[in-house]
Amino acid sequence: MPGNPPGSDSPRSPAGPGSQESSAGPGTAAPPPSAGGAPLTSLGTEAARQLATTAKSEPQMRAISSRWLLRTLPWVDVSAGVYRVNRRLRLRPGSGRVRFEQNGADDVKVVPETLAELPALRGCPDAEALRKLAAGYRVRRLEPGQVLAERGRPVKETFLVVHGRLTRFTSGPYGEEASLGVVANGEPLGEEVFVGAEPRWQVLVRADTACLLLALPRTAVKRLTDRAPALAAHLAGHAERSARPVNRAGEADLPVRAGHTGEPVIDPGFVDYELSPREYELSLTQTVLRVHSRVGDLYNEPMDQTHQQLRLTVEAIRERQEWELVNNRDFGLLHNTDYDQRISSSSGPPTPDDLDELLAMRRDTTVLFAHPKAITAFFHQCTLRGIAPRTADLGGHQVPAWRGVPLLPCGKIPISGRHTSSIVALRTGADDQGVVGLRPAALPEQREPGLNVRFMGIDATAVVSYLVTAYYSMAVLVPDAVGILENVRLGRPAE
C-alpha cells in the first residue's frame, strides 16, 4: 500500500468538481465563484453597490396629462372672489332643453319644472300650470324617413324630442332640399303654438333615426290658458317682448339711421342691460397632505421628501381642476354652453362638414378640444375623403389643426355609455369677448398662481399636515364664445 507524501499527516482529499480546497494554502478563504462557476478575480457589483450612491429619478405619476385647457386658457385675476359678467339685454333667448322621466318603453314623462327652459315658458310663475302642461304630453313614435311636419302646414302640436335625431329642411332656390340642422335629445319643435295665433311650419322636419317624441296639441294649450290667467298673462308678455325690435343676436336693438339726406328726425334710444347678470364665484379643490416628521428628518437626501410629496399633490389637484372646468355643472363648459350653440353630428362620426358648421357658428374660434378617440374618429373621416389635416404652431408645438384652428386632446371630455362624445370650440380672451379662466389675484402662502400650501401643524403622532388648495372658475362672456358638436360617434364602422 503506497504511503502518504512526505510532510503529510492525513490522507490526500480527493480533488474534483465539488472540492472547496484552494491552492492558496491552508487557512486562506477561497474567492467566491462567479455566475458561471469560475472564481471572481475582482470586487463584485452586488458588494460594490453597498458603497455607491445610486442615480435616482424623481417620483413619477402616470395620471399627468398634457392639460391643454389650463395651458391655453387666458386667466383673469379676481380680487373679490366673485366675477360678474354684464351683458346687453337679450329678448330672444335660445331654445332650451327639457328633461324626462322614463319608467318603461311607453311611460315617458317630461319633468314639469324643466318646461321653464322653453323660451315661451321661461320665468313662468305658475308652477301648477307647468305641471298640467307636462301631464298633457303624449308619446309619439317615428320611423326613419317619416315626415313629422311639412312646410306651410298649420302647427297643430308642439313636440319634445326624447330620443333620436330629426333634420330640418328648407326649399332651395331651384327646388332642392337644404338642411338647416339636426334636432336631437331634449330639444323642442313647434313651440310657436304657445304664442302664435295661426302658426305655420316654416321648415320640413324628417326623422333620420327611430324617434321617440312627446306631443302636446295646440287645443290643450288653449284650454289650459283659458283656465290659468297667470300662464295666459305670461305668454302674452312673452309675445309682447318678442315683438320688440332686436338685433341679429336677439339683443334689444338700438335705433340707428343710415343713408338719409336732409334733416329727418333721428329716433332716440339706449343700450339696455340685463338686470340680473351672471356672477361666477371662485370654486376650489382641496386636499390635506400628511408627512411624518421622521421622513423629513432622516430621509431628505438627495431629494426633499416634502417637496416631492407636494409636487405630485399639486399635479393631482391640477388634473382635477381641468376636469371641473369641463364637467362642473355650475361653470363647466359642457353644462354652460347655450343650447342654441349646440349641434349634433349629421351622420354619427365627426366629419369635416360637422366641424365646418361648428366653426361657422361664431365669428372667431381660437381652439378646438376633443377626446383623443374623437380626434382619431375625425382623422378617419378625413382619410375616407382623401383630406390631410394640417398642423398649427401653438407655443412652439406643432399640433393638429382644422381650418387653421388647433385641435387639441382633452381626456376630461367624457365618453357616454353609447360610445359617443363631444367636440368643444372656444373663442378665448376678455378682449375678444371669449372664455376666460378665473383665479385669485394673490393668496397667502401662494405656491403657484391660484394655489397655496398652508402649514396646519404637527399632531401628537409627529405627523406634519399641509392644506393644499386651488381656487378657480371659468366665465363665458358672450354665449357664442363656446360651441359644442354633440353625439359624436367614436370608433370605426365595420367594413
Foldseek 3Di string as FASTA:
>chain_A
DDDDPPPDDDDDDDDDDPDLDDPVDPPDHDADADPVRHHDPDDDPVVVVVVDDDDDDFDDDPPFDPLVVVVPFAEDADAPQKDFFWDFAFLQADAFFWDWDDDDPFDIWTDLVRVLSGLLNPPQPDSVLSVLQRVQWGKDKDAAFDWDFAFPAWLFKKKFWQAAKKWWWDADPVRDTDTPAIDGHRTMDSPCLLADPTDGDHTIIGGRHITMMIIHGSVSNVVSCVVDVSSVVSSVVSNVSVPADDDPVRGRDAQDDPDDDDDDDGDHDDGHIDPDTDMDGWDKDKDKDKDFVVCQVPPPPPHRPVVSSVVVVVSVRSLVVSLCCQDPCPFHQVNPARPVQEGEDPPAADELVNVVVNCVLDPHWAAKEDAPQSVVSHVVNCVVVVHDFAWEADPNDTATDDPRHGYYYDNSFDQDPQQWTKMKTADHDPVVQTKHKYAHPDDPQADDGQKHKAWDDADPSRMTMIMIMGIIGMDRNDNNRMHMHTNHHGDDDDD
